[in-house]
C-alpha atoms as a PDB file:
ATOM      1  CA  UNK A   1     -25.505 -14.110  -0.941  1.00  0.00           C
ATOM      2  CA  UNK A   2     -22.425 -15.634  -2.028  1.00  0.00           C
ATOM      3  CA  UNK A   3     -20.580 -12.691  -3.386  1.00  0.00           C
ATOM      4  CA  UNK A   4     -21.510 -10.893  -0.206  1.00  0.00           C
ATOM      5  CA  UNK A   5     -19.309 -13.801   1.980  1.00  0.00           C
ATOM      6  CA  UNK A   6     -16.394 -13.995  -0.587  1.00  0.00           C
ATOM      7  CA  UNK A   7     -16.752 -10.458  -0.612  1.00  0.00           C
ATOM      8  CA  UNK A   8     -15.967 -10.481   3.202  1.00  0.00           C
ATOM      9  CA  UNK A   9     -13.090 -12.793   3.033  1.00  0.00           C
ATOM     10  CA  UNK A  10     -11.317 -10.351   0.217  1.00  0.00           C
ATOM     11  CA  UNK A  11     -12.073  -7.502   2.596  1.00  0.00           C
ATOM     12  CA  UNK A  12     -10.633  -9.161   5.550  1.00  0.00           C
ATOM     13  CA  UNK A  13      -7.336  -9.927   3.355  1.00  0.00           C
ATOM     14  CA  UNK A  14      -7.111  -6.607   2.553  1.00  0.00           C
ATOM     15  CA  UNK A  15      -7.513  -4.593   5.511  1.00  0.00           C
ATOM     16  CA  UNK A  16      -5.195  -7.417   6.859  1.00  0.00           C
ATOM     17  CA  UNK A  17      -2.677  -7.110   3.926  1.00  0.00           C
ATOM     18  CA  UNK A  18      -2.704  -3.343   2.894  1.00  0.00           C
ATOM     19  CA  UNK A  19      -0.376  -2.262   5.764  1.00  0.00           C
ATOM     20  CA  UNK A  20       2.181  -5.338   5.842  1.00  0.00           C
ATOM     21  CA  UNK A  21       4.896  -4.924   3.380  1.00  0.00           C
ATOM     22  CA  UNK A  22       3.485  -8.141   1.983  1.00  0.00           C
ATOM     23  CA  UNK A  23       1.496  -6.487  -0.940  1.00  0.00           C
ATOM     24  CA  UNK A  24      -2.241  -6.124  -0.661  1.00  0.00           C
ATOM     25  CA  UNK A  25      -2.770  -6.369  -4.137  1.00  0.00           C
ATOM     26  CA  UNK A  26      -0.867  -9.369  -4.678  1.00  0.00           C
ATOM     27  CA  UNK A  27      -2.905 -10.940  -2.155  1.00  0.00           C
ATOM     28  CA  UNK A  28      -6.236 -10.185  -3.729  1.00  0.00           C
ATOM     29  CA  UNK A  29      -5.059 -11.233  -7.140  1.00  0.00           C
ATOM     30  CA  UNK A  30      -3.285 -14.491  -5.645  1.00  0.00           C
ATOM     31  CA  UNK A  31      -5.870 -15.617  -3.014  1.00  0.00           C
ATOM     32  CA  UNK A  32      -9.099 -15.428  -5.552  1.00  0.00           C
ATOM     33  CA  UNK A  33      -7.439 -17.367  -8.182  1.00  0.00           C
ATOM     34  CA  UNK A  34      -6.326 -20.343  -5.628  1.00  0.00           C
ATOM     35  CA  UNK A  35      -9.993 -20.277  -4.696  1.00  0.00           C
ATOM     36  CA  UNK A  36     -11.149 -20.909  -8.514  1.00  0.00           C
ATOM     37  CA  UNK A  37     -13.121 -17.263  -7.894  1.00  0.00           C
ATOM     38  CA  UNK A  38     -11.011 -15.463 -10.883  1.00  0.00           C
ATOM     39  CA  UNK A  39      -9.506 -11.979 -10.869  1.00  0.00           C
ATOM     40  CA  UNK A  40     -12.007  -9.385  -9.191  1.00  0.00           C
ATOM     41  CA  UNK A  41     -10.249  -7.150 -10.958  1.00  0.00           C
ATOM     42  CA  UNK A  42      -8.324  -4.051 -10.195  1.00  0.00           C
ATOM     43  CA  UNK A  43     -11.057  -1.248  -9.978  1.00  0.00           C
ATOM     44  CA  UNK A  44     -12.425  -3.591  -7.103  1.00  0.00           C
ATOM     45  CA  UNK A  45      -9.149  -3.476  -5.634  1.00  0.00           C
ATOM     46  CA  UNK A  46      -7.911  -0.270  -5.707  1.00  0.00           C
ATOM     47  CA  UNK A  47     -11.964   0.972  -4.569  1.00  0.00           C
ATOM     48  CA  UNK A  48     -11.616  -2.097  -1.562  1.00  0.00           C
ATOM     49  CA  UNK A  49      -8.051   0.267  -0.407  1.00  0.00           C
ATOM     50  CA  UNK A  50     -10.317   2.878   0.250  1.00  0.00           C
ATOM     51  CA  UNK A  51     -11.399   1.675   3.164  1.00  0.00           C
ATOM     52  CA  UNK A  52      -7.451   0.659   4.425  1.00  0.00           C
ATOM     53  CA  UNK A  53      -6.629   4.403   3.958  1.00  0.00           C
ATOM     54  CA  UNK A  54      -9.802   5.694   5.856  1.00  0.00           C
ATOM     55  CA  UNK A  55      -8.630   3.548   8.689  1.00  0.00           C
ATOM     56  CA  UNK A  56      -4.906   5.415   8.513  1.00  0.00           C
ATOM     57  CA  UNK A  57      -7.347   8.927   8.699  1.00  0.00           C
ATOM     58  CA  UNK A  58      -9.088   8.032  11.224  1.00  0.00           C
ATOM     59  CA  UNK A  59      -5.806   6.724  13.198  1.00  0.00           C
ATOM     60  CA  UNK A  60      -3.766   9.194  11.799  1.00  0.00           C
ATOM     61  CA  UNK A  61      -6.264  11.804  12.661  1.00  0.00           C
ATOM     62  CA  UNK A  62      -4.582  14.076  15.083  1.00  0.00           C
ATOM     63  CA  UNK A  63      -1.265  13.617  12.729  1.00  0.00           C
ATOM     64  CA  UNK A  64      -3.057  14.586   9.422  1.00  0.00           C
ATOM     65  CA  UNK A  65      -5.194  17.539  10.839  1.00  0.00           C
ATOM     66  CA  UNK A  66      -1.678  19.087  12.413  1.00  0.00           C
ATOM     67  CA  UNK A  67      -0.015  18.641   9.201  1.00  0.00           C
ATOM     68  CA  UNK A  68      -3.098  20.227   6.933  1.00  0.00           C
ATOM     69  CA  UNK A  69      -3.665  23.024   9.250  1.00  0.00           C
ATOM     70  CA  UNK A  70      -0.332  24.279   9.548  1.00  0.00           C
ATOM     71  CA  UNK A  71       0.676  23.573   6.304  1.00  0.00           C
ATOM     72  CA  UNK A  72      -2.345  26.128   5.195  1.00  0.00           C
ATOM     73  CA  UNK A  73      -1.596  28.616   7.307  1.00  0.00           C
ATOM     74  CA  UNK A  74       1.977  28.659   6.153  1.00  0.00           C
ATOM     75  CA  UNK A  75       0.915  29.991   3.293  1.00  0.00           C
ATOM     76  CA  UNK A  76      -0.198  33.106   4.788  1.00  0.00           C
ATOM     77  CA  UNK A  77       2.324  33.129   8.223  1.00  0.00           C
ATOM     78  CA  UNK A  78       5.783  32.803   7.054  1.00  0.00           C
ATOM     79  CA  UNK A  79       7.210  31.652  10.119  1.00  0.00           C
ATOM     80  CA  UNK A  80       5.046  29.229  10.462  1.00  0.00           C
ATOM     81  CA  UNK A  81       7.024  27.415   6.694  1.00  0.00           C
ATOM     82  CA  UNK A  82       9.543  26.207   8.638  1.00  0.00           C
ATOM     83  CA  UNK A  83       7.881  23.844  11.207  1.00  0.00           C
ATOM     84  CA  UNK A  84       7.781  20.350  10.980  1.00  0.00           C
ATOM     85  CA  UNK A  85       3.812  19.930   9.914  1.00  0.00           C
ATOM     86  CA  UNK A  86       4.211  22.228   7.632  1.00  0.00           C
ATOM     87  CA  UNK A  87       7.332  20.956   5.769  1.00  0.00           C
ATOM     88  CA  UNK A  88       5.376  17.516   6.159  1.00  0.00           C
ATOM     89  CA  UNK A  89       2.299  18.857   4.055  1.00  0.00           C
ATOM     90  CA  UNK A  90       5.041  19.657   1.036  1.00  0.00           C
ATOM     91  CA  UNK A  91       6.382  16.284   1.619  1.00  0.00           C
ATOM     92  CA  UNK A  92       3.572  13.851   1.006  1.00  0.00           C
ATOM     93  CA  UNK A  93       2.631  16.659  -1.792  1.00  0.00           C
ATOM     94  CA  UNK A  94       5.491  16.715  -3.963  1.00  0.00           C
ATOM     95  CA  UNK A  95       6.515  12.200  -2.475  1.00  0.00           C
ATOM     96  CA  UNK A  96       2.703  11.418  -4.134  1.00  0.00           C
ATOM     97  CA  UNK A  97       3.542  13.051  -7.489  1.00  0.00           C
ATOM     98  CA  UNK A  98       5.253   9.973  -8.895  1.00  0.00           C
ATOM     99  CA  UNK A  99       2.583   7.353  -8.337  1.00  0.00           C
ATOM    100  CA  UNK A 100       0.125   9.710  -9.320  1.00  0.00           C
ATOM    101  CA  UNK A 101       1.976  10.484 -12.935  1.00  0.00           C
ATOM    102  CA  UNK A 102       2.674   7.204 -13.804  1.00  0.00           C
ATOM    103  CA  UNK A 103      -0.708   5.522 -12.529  1.00  0.00           C
ATOM    104  CA  UNK A 104      -2.415   7.746 -14.754  1.00  0.00           C
ATOM    105  CA  UNK A 105      -0.393   7.383 -17.963  1.00  0.00           C
ATOM    106  CA  UNK A 106       0.417   3.564 -17.263  1.00  0.00           C
ATOM    107  CA  UNK A 107      -3.528   2.484 -16.239  1.00  0.00           C
ATOM    108  CA  UNK A 108      -4.311  -0.040 -18.913  1.00  0.00           C
ATOM    109  CA  UNK A 109      -0.950  -2.042 -18.472  1.00  0.00           C
ATOM    110  CA  UNK A 110      -1.932  -1.777 -14.786  1.00  0.00           C
ATOM    111  CA  UNK A 111      -5.131  -3.544 -15.355  1.00  0.00           C
ATOM    112  CA  UNK A 112      -3.935  -6.107 -17.547  1.00  0.00           C
ATOM    113  CA  UNK A 113      -0.462  -6.768 -17.538  1.00  0.00           C
ATOM    114  CA  UNK A 114       0.500  -6.194 -14.560  1.00  0.00           C
ATOM    115  CA  UNK A 115      -2.289  -8.491 -13.216  1.00  0.00           C
ATOM    116  CA  UNK A 116      -0.152 -11.819 -14.480  1.00  0.00           C
ATOM    117  CA  UNK A 117       0.225 -14.050 -11.811  1.00  0.00           C
ATOM    118  CA  UNK A 118       4.250 -14.718 -13.321  1.00  0.00           C
ATOM    119  CA  UNK A 119       5.106 -11.127 -12.439  1.00  0.00           C
ATOM    120  CA  UNK A 120       2.825 -11.161  -8.884  1.00  0.00           C
ATOM    121  CA  UNK A 121       4.845 -13.924  -7.965  1.00  0.00           C
ATOM    122  CA  UNK A 122       8.491 -12.738  -8.895  1.00  0.00           C
ATOM    123  CA  UNK A 123       7.943  -8.847  -7.218  1.00  0.00           C
ATOM    124  CA  UNK A 124       6.610 -10.795  -3.959  1.00  0.00           C
ATOM    125  CA  UNK A 125      10.150 -12.707  -4.422  1.00  0.00           C
ATOM    126  CA  UNK A 126      12.525  -9.816  -5.515  1.00  0.00           C
ATOM    127  CA  UNK A 127      10.687  -6.992  -3.137  1.00  0.00           C
ATOM    128  CA  UNK A 128      10.951  -9.326  -0.211  1.00  0.00           C
ATOM    129  CA  UNK A 129      14.879  -9.454  -0.799  1.00  0.00           C
ATOM    130  CA  UNK A 130      15.387  -5.873  -1.113  1.00  0.00           C
ATOM    131  CA  UNK A 131      13.323  -5.843   2.845  1.00  0.00           C
ATOM    132  CA  UNK A 132      15.347  -8.065   3.657  1.00  0.00           C
ATOM    133  CA  UNK A 133      18.424  -6.285   2.937  1.00  0.00           C
ATOM    134  CA  UNK A 134      17.299  -2.568   3.633  1.00  0.00           C
ATOM    135  CA  UNK A 135      16.040  -3.303   6.860  1.00  0.00           C
ATOM    136  CA  UNK A 136      19.311  -5.341   7.691  1.00  0.00           C
ATOM    137  CA  UNK A 137      21.629  -2.499   6.186  1.00  0.00           C
ATOM    138  CA  UNK A 138      19.370   0.544   7.569  1.00  0.00           C
ATOM    139  CA  UNK A 139      20.794   2.415  10.406  1.00  0.00           C
ATOM    140  CA  UNK A 140      17.869   3.165  12.646  1.00  0.00           C
ATOM    141  CA  UNK A 141      19.545   6.658  13.326  1.00  0.00           C
ATOM    142  CA  UNK A 142      16.625   9.190  11.642  1.00  0.00           C
ATOM    143  CA  UNK A 143      12.990   9.699  13.243  1.00  0.00           C
ATOM    144  CA  UNK A 144      10.142  11.400  11.326  1.00  0.00           C
ATOM    145  CA  UNK A 145      10.930  14.793  12.220  1.00  0.00           C
ATOM    146  CA  UNK A 146      14.337  14.635  10.597  1.00  0.00           C
ATOM    147  CA  UNK A 147      12.929  13.767   7.540  1.00  0.00           C
ATOM    148  CA  UNK A 148      14.062  15.564   4.099  1.00  0.00           C
ATOM    149  CA  UNK A 149      11.851  16.819   0.821  1.00  0.00           C
ATOM    150  CA  UNK A 150      15.035  14.895  -0.751  1.00  0.00           C
ATOM    151  CA  UNK A 151      13.842  11.692   1.681  1.00  0.00           C
ATOM    152  CA  UNK A 152      10.265  12.428   0.444  1.00  0.00           C
ATOM    153  CA  UNK A 153      10.912  12.052  -3.099  1.00  0.00           C
ATOM    154  CA  UNK A 154      13.048   8.804  -2.929  1.00  0.00           C
ATOM    155  CA  UNK A 155      10.250   7.272  -1.026  1.00  0.00           C
ATOM    156  CA  UNK A 156       7.429   8.800  -3.509  1.00  0.00           C
ATOM    157  CA  UNK A 157       9.430   6.800  -6.172  1.00  0.00           C
ATOM    158  CA  UNK A 158       9.676   3.789  -4.605  1.00  0.00           C
ATOM    159  CA  UNK A 159       5.900   4.192  -3.860  1.00  0.00           C
ATOM    160  CA  UNK A 160       5.016   4.319  -7.185  1.00  0.00           C
ATOM    161  CA  UNK A 161       6.664   1.062  -8.008  1.00  0.00           C
ATOM    162  CA  UNK A 162       3.354  -0.549  -6.176  1.00  0.00           C
ATOM    163  CA  UNK A 163       1.647   0.413  -9.685  1.00  0.00           C
ATOM    164  CA  UNK A 164       2.965  -3.697 -10.289  1.00  0.00           C
ATOM    165  CA  UNK A 165       0.729  -6.151  -7.858  1.00  0.00           C
ATOM    166  CA  UNK A 166       3.010  -7.927  -5.263  1.00  0.00           C
ATOM    167  CA  UNK A 167       5.953  -5.201  -4.619  1.00  0.00           C
ATOM    168  CA  UNK A 168       3.549  -3.833  -2.125  1.00  0.00           C
ATOM    169  CA  UNK A 169       3.396   0.054  -1.569  1.00  0.00           C
ATOM    170  CA  UNK A 170       4.124  -0.170   2.023  1.00  0.00           C
ATOM    171  CA  UNK A 171       6.943  -3.034   1.580  1.00  0.00           C
ATOM    172  CA  UNK A 172       8.405  -0.729  -1.125  1.00  0.00           C
ATOM    173  CA  UNK A 173       8.780   2.959   0.990  1.00  0.00           C
ATOM    174  CA  UNK A 174       9.461   1.342   3.864  1.00  0.00           C
ATOM    175  CA  UNK A 175      12.508  -0.192   1.986  1.00  0.00           C
ATOM    176  CA  UNK A 176      13.793   3.314   0.407  1.00  0.00           C
ATOM    177  CA  UNK A 177      13.424   4.009   4.149  1.00  0.00           C
ATOM    178  CA  UNK A 178      15.056   1.842   5.550  1.00  0.00           C
ATOM    179  CA  UNK A 179      17.936   2.652   3.244  1.00  0.00           C
ATOM    180  CA  UNK A 180      17.632   6.095   3.953  1.00  0.00           C
ATOM    181  CA  UNK A 181      18.726   5.457   7.492  1.00  0.00           C
ATOM    182  CA  UNK A 182      14.997   6.473   9.109  1.00  0.00           C
ATOM    183  CA  UNK A 183      14.176   4.031  12.090  1.00  0.00           C
ATOM    184  CA  UNK A 184      11.272   0.897  11.417  1.00  0.00           C
ATOM    185  CA  UNK A 185       8.963   2.659  12.907  1.00  0.00           C
ATOM    186  CA  UNK A 186       9.266   6.383  11.600  1.00  0.00           C
ATOM    187  CA  UNK A 187       9.592   4.517   8.169  1.00  0.00           C
ATOM    188  CA  UNK A 188       6.404   2.816   8.424  1.00  0.00           C
ATOM    189  CA  UNK A 189       4.607   5.892   9.981  1.00  0.00           C
ATOM    190  CA  UNK A 190       5.635   8.310   6.553  1.00  0.00           C
ATOM    191  CA  UNK A 191       4.755   5.233   4.291  1.00  0.00           C
ATOM    192  CA  UNK A 192       1.436   5.462   5.620  1.00  0.00           C
ATOM    193  CA  UNK A 193       0.897   8.866   5.454  1.00  0.00           C
ATOM    194  CA  UNK A 194       2.553   9.162   1.684  1.00  0.00           C
ATOM    195  CA  UNK A 195      -0.161   6.896   0.943  1.00  0.00           C
ATOM    196  CA  UNK A 196      -3.265   8.403   1.685  1.00  0.00           C
ATOM    197  CA  UNK A 197      -3.441  10.303  -1.709  1.00  0.00           C
ATOM    198  CA  UNK A 198      -2.346   7.267  -3.836  1.00  0.00           C
ATOM    199  CA  UNK A 199      -4.424   5.396  -2.274  1.00  0.00           C
ATOM    200  CA  UNK A 200      -7.328   7.429  -2.249  1.00  0.00           C
ATOM    201  CA  UNK A 201      -7.133   8.704  -5.104  1.00  0.00           C
ATOM    202  CA  UNK A 202      -6.596   5.800  -7.359  1.00  0.00           C
ATOM    203  CA  UNK A 203      -9.881   4.724  -5.315  1.00  0.00           C
ATOM    204  CA  UNK A 204     -11.897   7.669  -7.203  1.00  0.00           C
ATOM    205  CA  UNK A 205     -10.047   7.541 -10.166  1.00  0.00           C
ATOM    206  CA  UNK A 206     -11.396   3.699 -10.850  1.00  0.00           C
ATOM    207  CA  UNK A 207     -14.781   4.229  -9.449  1.00  0.00           C
ATOM    208  CA  UNK A 208     -16.481   4.597 -12.891  1.00  0.00           C
ATOM    209  CA  UNK A 209     -15.257   1.164 -13.776  1.00  0.00           C
ATOM    210  CA  UNK A 210     -17.187  -0.592 -10.566  1.00  0.00           C
ATOM    211  CA  UNK A 211     -20.503  -1.137 -13.269  1.00  0.00           C
ATOM    212  CA  UNK A 212     -18.673  -0.786 -16.433  1.00  0.00           C
ATOM    213  CA  UNK A 213     -17.544  -4.719 -16.052  1.00  0.00           C
ATOM    214  CA  UNK A 214     -14.074  -3.752 -14.760  1.00  0.00           C
ATOM    215  CA  UNK A 215     -15.423  -5.734 -11.204  1.00  0.00           C
ATOM    216  CA  UNK A 216     -16.705  -9.746 -11.026  1.00  0.00           C
ATOM    217  CA  UNK A 217     -18.674  -8.077  -7.752  1.00  0.00           C
ATOM    218  CA  UNK A 218     -20.873  -4.637  -8.499  1.00  0.00           C
ATOM    219  CA  UNK A 219     -21.349  -2.587  -6.397  1.00  0.00           C
ATOM    220  CA  UNK A 220     -22.768  -4.376  -2.979  1.00  0.00           C
ATOM    221  CA  UNK A 221     -19.980  -6.710  -2.456  1.00  0.00           C
ATOM    222  CA  UNK A 222     -17.599  -4.134  -3.106  1.00  0.00           C
ATOM    223  CA  UNK A 223     -19.034  -1.847  -0.723  1.00  0.00           C
ATOM    224  CA  UNK A 224     -19.331  -4.918   1.591  1.00  0.00           C
ATOM    225  CA  UNK A 225     -15.586  -5.472   0.856  1.00  0.00           C
ATOM    226  CA  UNK A 226     -14.605  -1.823   2.029  1.00  0.00           C
ATOM    227  CA  UNK A 227     -16.002  -1.894   4.756  1.00  0.00           C
ATOM    228  CA  UNK A 228     -14.673  -5.250   6.595  1.00  0.00           C
ATOM    229  CA  UNK A 229     -11.453  -4.135   5.179  1.00  0.00           C
ATOM    230  CA  UNK A 230     -12.102  -0.407   7.421  1.00  0.00           C
ATOM    231  CA  UNK A 231     -12.463  -2.723  10.411  1.00  0.00           C
ATOM    232  CA  UNK A 232      -9.694  -5.126   9.524  1.00  0.00           C
ATOM    233  CA  UNK A 233      -7.007  -1.960   8.385  1.00  0.00           C
ATOM    234  CA  UNK A 234      -7.030   0.063  11.657  1.00  0.00           C
ATOM    235  CA  UNK A 235      -6.362  -2.774  14.051  1.00  0.00           C
ATOM    236  CA  UNK A 236      -3.842  -3.955  11.535  1.00  0.00           C
ATOM    237  CA  UNK A 237      -2.064  -0.594  11.673  1.00  0.00           C
ATOM    238  CA  UNK A 238      -1.928  -0.521  15.448  1.00  0.00           C
ATOM    239  CA  UNK A 239      -0.613  -3.634  15.770  1.00  0.00           C
ATOM    240  CA  UNK A 240       2.349  -3.351  12.945  1.00  0.00           C
ATOM    241  CA  UNK A 241       3.291  -0.131  14.893  1.00  0.00           C
ATOM    242  CA  UNK A 242       3.829  -1.627  17.824  1.00  0.00           C
ATOM    243  CA  UNK A 243       5.797  -4.149  16.080  1.00  0.00           C
ATOM    244  CA  UNK A 244       8.167  -2.441  14.570  1.00  0.00           C
ATOM    245  CA  UNK A 245       8.736  -0.327  17.442  1.00  0.00           C
ATOM    246  CA  UNK A 246      10.925  -3.144  18.658  1.00  0.00           C
ATOM    247  CA  UNK A 247      11.152  -6.145  16.090  1.00  0.00           C
ATOM    248  CA  UNK A 248      12.449  -6.134  12.886  1.00  0.00           C
ATOM    249  CA  UNK A 249      10.543  -7.022   9.426  1.00  0.00           C
ATOM    250  CA  UNK A 250      11.966 -10.841   8.708  1.00  0.00           C
ATOM    251  CA  UNK A 251       8.628 -12.255   9.271  1.00  0.00           C
ATOM    252  CA  UNK A 252       7.271 -10.927   6.461  1.00  0.00           C
ATOM    253  CA  UNK A 253      10.275 -11.108   4.151  1.00  0.00           C
ATOM    254  CA  UNK A 254      10.522 -15.040   4.657  1.00  0.00           C
ATOM    255  CA  UNK A 255       6.595 -14.849   4.040  1.00  0.00           C
ATOM    256  CA  UNK A 256       7.241 -12.932   0.720  1.00  0.00           C
ATOM    257  CA  UNK A 257       9.378 -14.923  -0.451  1.00  0.00           C
ATOM    258  CA  UNK A 258       7.374 -18.334  -0.118  1.00  0.00           C
ATOM    259  CA  UNK A 259       3.851 -16.801  -1.466  1.00  0.00           C
ATOM    260  CA  UNK A 260       6.308 -15.674  -4.443  1.00  0.00           C
ATOM    261  CA  UNK A 261       7.780 -19.687  -4.961  1.00  0.00           C
ATOM    262  CA  UNK A 262       4.593 -21.456  -3.426  1.00  0.00           C
ATOM    263  CA  UNK A 263       2.884 -19.237  -6.553  1.00  0.00           C
ATOM    264  CA  UNK A 264       5.450 -19.979  -8.683  1.00  0.00           C
ATOM    265  CA  UNK A 265       5.595 -23.250  -8.108  1.00  0.00           C
ATOM    266  CA  UNK A 266       1.482 -23.704  -8.669  1.00  0.00           C
ATOM    267  CA  UNK A 267       1.295 -21.628 -11.874  1.00  0.00           C
ATOM    268  CA  UNK A 268       4.303 -24.207 -13.415  1.00  0.00           C
ATOM    269  CA  UNK A 269       2.459 -27.303 -12.257  1.00  0.00           C
ATOM    270  CA  UNK A 270      -1.452 -25.788 -14.216  1.00  0.00           C
ATOM    271  CA  UNK A 271      -2.786 -25.376 -11.157  1.00  0.00           C
ATOM    272  CA  UNK A 272      -2.927 -21.588 -11.703  1.00  0.00           C
ATOM    273  CA  UNK A 273      -3.539 -19.784 -14.455  1.00  0.00           C
ATOM    274  CA  UNK A 274      -1.236 -16.689 -15.305  1.00  0.00           C
END
């Protein structure tokens, strides 16, 4: 029962932080340590993220259907190949390649060295500063319809940095989008769509690790956490898209830096172990 309660807490944490540019993997690494629960494991983190990606699939179901169906039709109908939806299909495919290739190549390091709390805390601070600069210099002059293949590849490379906990998949991708001149909502929306293949793939790739020891909780609590993350994540998507349409990312920048510095302080004081 205690593991189920912890799973609910971690699932809620995942749902709240997956889409905000504050790194869900960092929160699933730091907060269990604060509570004395230990590291839930990379496999737990990857599988629970599937819940939030299911929220993306449902929330953006019309966009995904239009992109997917048009992309398939364009293979047989040349007149559709220049449409925004068909091009977006290719953007998501090619933009996903960096994180897929690096995720497979660096799997062992991701599950061990990269989960060191000093690295996590440092990435929270560094990428928080990057997000703040990107949001300040971003020109707000390009919409989703104006994304090009170059943008997708650069945002895909930025997304791959999120293999290091603390970077934030959405934070890195949004930062690159803002540097490229995308509006906040456009950068955020594309970051969500680009994350779908990466997160679902990572979750499926690590499913075999659940019963083999790389998970503190096992199947039952992991499934509970995944369901909770889906429900909470769906609400978080709607809120964030409304928020960024009129406001900056400054509160998230401040939060990232504060959390990173606090974690470093606790590590230095010996309250937390790396």
